[in-house]
């Protein structure tokens, strides 16, 4: 039995993995890191340590993938493998940083009712914008976790170190999954991460997948995870 520790992204919880987990089969058991409980990036890393196995198989998505890499770099002896989904281990893109700096004061002043259609179109492929099993889950997580969680996650991660030039020091097995049409973790950056990480497997998802890969492409992602963990 392989124990997987899942680290979600910004404004996400265990529901991010809800379409993926039933497809993995009986050979896995799961644990979820409650990233939304942290106020700072340091607390996020502490939560990973507290809620993951002593020899963790970390599966991180987006912000969670970045933090899984940062955690592995700080505690390589505690990480047995890494699966990185939707992250290139980079500082935020200037465009994304500007978006967040614009959103923060608006959030502070106004009632939060969930993600805007504009934001959803940035993170979800056009083919899935009318799919309640995808967009409905994203919106429900946003509403349930709420403004305070979003503000804490935005503020604490808007400035973050570049990890791409350090991952070559990691010796645990690693798999990187990106999407050709991911607006938050561009395909070229994901490929650059893989190129700088000797031995890391790379898979790129094509048409019909945006940033929200665990919800948008669960069958493909399940197959990648099964194959990766069989090979360890």
Protein backbone atom coordinates (compact mmCIF):
# COMPACT_ATOMS: atom_id res chain seq x y z
CA UNK A 1 0.00 0.00 0.00
CA UNK A 2 1.44 3.38 -1.05
CA UNK A 3 0.61 6.34 1.18
CA UNK A 4 0.23 9.63 -0.70
CA UNK A 5 0.23 13.03 1.00
CA UNK A 6 -1.69 15.59 -1.07
CA UNK A 7 -0.88 19.31 -0.89
CA UNK A 8 -3.58 21.50 -2.53
CA UNK A 9 -3.29 24.86 -4.26
CA UNK A 10 -4.50 28.35 -3.46
CA UNK A 11 -8.07 28.40 -2.12
CA UNK A 12 -8.29 24.61 -2.44
CA UNK A 13 -8.78 21.71 -0.04
CA UNK A 14 -9.17 17.93 -0.40
CA UNK A 15 -12.02 18.47 -2.88
CA UNK A 16 -9.37 19.40 -5.45
CA UNK A 17 -8.54 15.69 -5.65
CA UNK A 18 -12.12 14.39 -5.55
CA UNK A 19 -12.26 13.26 -9.18
CA UNK A 20 -8.76 11.75 -9.13
CA UNK A 21 -8.68 9.58 -6.00
CA UNK A 22 -11.42 7.07 -6.97
CA UNK A 23 -9.45 6.33 -10.16
CA UNK A 24 -6.21 5.35 -8.42
CA UNK A 25 -7.39 1.92 -7.26
CA UNK A 26 -6.77 -0.11 -4.11
CA UNK A 27 -2.99 0.21 -3.96
CA UNK A 28 -3.05 3.70 -2.45
CA UNK A 29 -4.12 5.39 0.76
CA UNK A 30 -4.45 9.13 1.05
CA UNK A 31 -3.79 11.98 3.42
CA UNK A 32 -4.55 15.68 2.89
CA UNK A 33 -2.43 18.60 4.11
CA UNK A 34 -4.85 21.35 5.29
CA UNK A 35 -2.94 24.22 3.72
CA UNK A 36 -5.84 26.63 4.31
CA UNK A 37 -5.12 26.60 8.07
CA UNK A 38 -1.82 28.49 7.61
CA UNK A 39 -1.37 32.25 7.74
CA UNK A 40 2.22 32.38 6.45
CA UNK A 41 4.41 30.42 4.06
CA UNK A 42 6.46 29.18 7.01
CA UNK A 43 3.29 27.79 8.60
CA UNK A 44 2.38 26.13 5.30
CA UNK A 45 5.72 24.30 5.28
CA UNK A 46 5.21 23.31 8.93
CA UNK A 47 1.78 21.89 8.07
CA UNK A 48 3.34 19.73 5.35
CA UNK A 49 5.80 18.36 7.89
CA UNK A 50 3.15 17.79 10.54
CA UNK A 51 0.57 16.17 8.27
CA UNK A 52 2.79 14.04 6.02
CA UNK A 53 4.56 10.73 6.52
CA UNK A 54 8.17 10.59 7.80
CA UNK A 55 9.11 9.32 4.33
CA UNK A 56 6.50 11.20 2.36
CA UNK A 57 5.27 10.65 -1.17
CA UNK A 58 4.17 14.24 -1.71
CA UNK A 59 1.68 15.09 -4.46
CA UNK A 60 1.41 18.85 -4.81
CA UNK A 61 -0.75 21.02 -7.02
CA UNK A 62 0.02 24.64 -7.99
CA UNK A 63 0.97 26.49 -4.77
CA UNK A 64 1.04 23.09 -3.05
CA UNK A 65 3.51 21.80 -5.65
CA UNK A 66 5.77 24.81 -5.12
CA UNK A 67 5.62 24.27 -1.36
CA UNK A 68 6.30 20.52 -1.76
CA UNK A 69 9.51 21.37 -3.62
CA UNK A 70 10.47 23.98 -1.02
CA UNK A 71 9.79 21.46 1.77
CA UNK A 72 11.85 18.77 0.01
CA UNK A 73 14.76 21.16 -0.41
CA UNK A 74 14.66 21.96 3.31
CA UNK A 75 14.05 18.35 4.47
CA UNK A 76 15.32 15.96 1.76
CA UNK A 77 15.54 13.11 4.26
CA UNK A 78 11.76 13.26 4.80
CA UNK A 79 10.67 13.04 1.16
CA UNK A 80 10.55 9.68 -0.65
CA UNK A 81 9.10 11.04 -3.90
CA UNK A 82 7.62 14.20 -5.39
CA UNK A 83 4.79 14.67 -7.85
CA UNK A 84 4.65 18.27 -9.06
CA UNK A 85 1.45 19.35 -10.86
CA UNK A 86 0.98 22.82 -12.33
CA UNK A 87 4.11 24.51 -11.01
CA UNK A 88 7.53 25.43 -12.36
CA UNK A 89 9.00 26.33 -8.96
CA UNK A 90 9.33 29.94 -10.04
CA UNK A 91 8.57 33.31 -8.58
CA UNK A 92 5.14 34.56 -9.59
CA UNK A 93 4.91 35.91 -13.12
CA UNK A 94 4.80 39.73 -13.16
CA UNK A 95 1.31 39.57 -14.67
CA UNK A 96 0.05 37.25 -11.93
CA UNK A 97 1.74 39.34 -9.23
CA UNK A 98 0.06 42.47 -10.61
CA UNK A 99 -3.31 40.69 -10.64
CA UNK A 100 -2.94 39.69 -7.01
CA UNK A 101 -1.77 43.14 -5.91
CA UNK A 102 -4.86 44.56 -7.59
CA UNK A 103 -7.16 41.97 -6.02
CA UNK A 104 -5.90 42.25 -2.42
CA UNK A 105 -7.27 45.76 -1.65
CA UNK A 106 -10.55 44.89 -3.37
CA UNK A 107 -10.85 41.77 -1.24
CA UNK A 108 -10.09 43.70 1.93
CA UNK A 109 -12.89 46.19 1.23
CA UNK A 110 -15.60 44.02 -0.28
CA UNK A 111 -17.68 40.94 0.47
CA UNK A 112 -16.23 37.86 -1.25
CA UNK A 113 -18.67 35.83 -3.30
CA UNK A 114 -16.27 33.45 -5.06
CA UNK A 115 -14.16 33.59 -8.19
CA UNK A 116 -15.07 35.91 -11.03
CA UNK A 117 -15.75 34.51 -14.50
CA UNK A 118 -12.60 36.28 -15.67
CA UNK A 119 -10.49 34.44 -13.09
CA UNK A 120 -12.15 31.12 -13.88
CA UNK A 121 -11.35 31.58 -17.58
CA UNK A 122 -7.69 32.05 -16.64
CA UNK A 123 -7.47 28.72 -14.81
CA UNK A 124 -9.98 26.43 -16.58
CA UNK A 125 -9.96 25.29 -20.22
CA UNK A 126 -12.84 26.74 -22.31
CA UNK A 127 -14.24 23.22 -22.80
CA UNK A 128 -14.88 22.91 -19.05
CA UNK A 129 -16.36 26.32 -18.22
CA UNK A 130 -19.89 24.88 -18.18
CA UNK A 131 -19.03 21.70 -16.29
CA UNK A 132 -20.35 21.83 -12.70
CA UNK A 133 -18.12 18.89 -11.71
CA UNK A 134 -15.16 21.20 -12.36
CA UNK A 135 -16.22 24.85 -12.09
CA UNK A 136 -18.82 24.07 -9.41
CA UNK A 137 -16.19 22.43 -7.20
CA UNK A 138 -13.74 25.32 -7.70
CA UNK A 139 -16.43 27.87 -6.80
CA UNK A 140 -17.64 25.92 -3.77
CA UNK A 141 -14.10 25.63 -2.38
CA UNK A 142 -13.61 29.37 -2.93
CA UNK A 143 -16.86 30.28 -1.16
CA UNK A 144 -16.37 27.82 1.71
CA UNK A 145 -12.73 28.69 2.41
CA UNK A 146 -13.48 32.36 1.90
CA UNK A 147 -11.84 35.74 1.85
CA UNK A 148 -9.57 35.39 4.88
CA UNK A 149 -7.91 32.23 3.53
CA UNK A 150 -7.44 33.78 0.09
CA UNK A 151 -5.94 36.95 1.56
CA UNK A 152 -3.54 34.98 3.78
CA UNK A 153 -2.43 32.80 0.87
CA UNK A 154 -2.02 35.73 -1.51
CA UNK A 155 -0.10 37.88 0.98
CA UNK A 156 2.22 35.13 2.20
CA UNK A 157 3.19 33.75 -1.22
CA UNK A 158 3.27 36.77 -3.52
CA UNK A 159 7.01 37.05 -2.87
CA UNK A 160 8.69 33.66 -3.04
CA UNK A 161 12.17 32.41 -3.91
CA UNK A 162 13.03 30.84 -7.25
CA UNK A 163 13.44 27.08 -6.79
CA UNK A 164 14.26 26.05 -10.34
CA UNK A 165 18.01 26.51 -9.92
CA UNK A 166 18.04 24.38 -6.74
CA UNK A 167 15.99 21.29 -7.60
CA UNK A 168 19.01 19.55 -9.16
CA UNK A 169 20.19 18.91 -5.58
CA UNK A 170 17.16 16.69 -4.89
CA UNK A 171 17.77 12.95 -5.29
CA UNK A 172 14.28 11.55 -4.65
CA UNK A 173 12.26 10.27 -7.64
CA UNK A 174 10.21 13.08 -9.15
CA UNK A 175 7.40 13.44 -11.68
CA UNK A 176 6.38 16.79 -13.16
CA UNK A 177 2.99 17.26 -14.84
CA UNK A 178 2.21 20.39 -16.81
CA UNK A 179 -0.33 21.52 -19.40
CA UNK A 180 0.35 23.15 -22.75
CA UNK A 181 -2.44 25.68 -22.11
CA UNK A 182 -1.80 26.44 -18.43
CA UNK A 183 -1.86 30.22 -17.99
CA UNK A 184 -0.38 30.18 -14.46
CA UNK A 185 2.48 27.71 -14.97
CA UNK A 186 3.43 28.19 -18.63
CA UNK A 187 4.53 25.09 -20.55
CA UNK A 188 7.95 26.55 -21.36
CA UNK A 189 8.65 27.14 -17.65
CA UNK A 190 7.51 23.62 -16.71
CA UNK A 191 9.83 22.18 -19.36
CA UNK A 192 12.67 24.33 -18.03
CA UNK A 193 12.05 22.95 -14.53
CA UNK A 194 12.27 19.38 -15.86
CA UNK A 195 15.44 20.21 -17.82
CA UNK A 196 17.10 21.51 -14.65
CA UNK A 197 16.09 18.44 -12.60
CA UNK A 198 18.09 15.33 -13.56
CA UNK A 199 16.00 12.18 -13.59
CA UNK A 200 12.63 13.90 -13.20
CA UNK A 201 9.86 12.50 -15.40
CA UNK A 202 7.90 15.05 -17.41
CA UNK A 203 4.35 14.74 -18.75
CA UNK A 204 2.57 17.52 -20.63
CA UNK A 205 -1.21 17.53 -21.07
CA UNK A 206 -2.59 18.87 -24.33
CA UNK A 207 -5.89 20.32 -25.51
CA UNK A 208 -8.80 20.55 -23.12
CA UNK A 209 -6.79 21.10 -19.95
CA UNK A 210 -6.03 24.38 -18.21
CA UNK A 211 -4.37 24.93 -14.84
CA UNK A 212 -6.82 22.87 -12.76
CA UNK A 213 -5.43 19.52 -13.90
CA UNK A 214 -6.62 17.24 -11.04
CA UNK A 215 -10.21 18.26 -11.84
CA UNK A 216 -9.84 18.66 -15.61
CA UNK A 217 -7.80 15.55 -16.48
CA UNK A 218 -8.23 13.06 -13.62
CA UNK A 219 -8.03 9.88 -15.73
CA UNK A 220 -4.72 10.84 -17.32
CA UNK A 221 -3.30 12.05 -14.03
CA UNK A 222 -4.34 8.81 -12.29
CA UNK A 223 -2.52 6.79 -14.94
CA UNK A 224 0.62 8.90 -14.54
CA UNK A 225 0.55 8.46 -10.75
CA UNK A 226 -0.01 4.71 -10.98
CA UNK A 227 2.84 4.24 -13.45
CA UNK A 228 5.18 6.50 -11.49
CA UNK A 229 4.64 4.71 -8.19
CA UNK A 230 4.91 1.26 -9.79
CA UNK A 231 8.34 2.29 -11.02
CA UNK A 232 9.69 3.27 -7.59
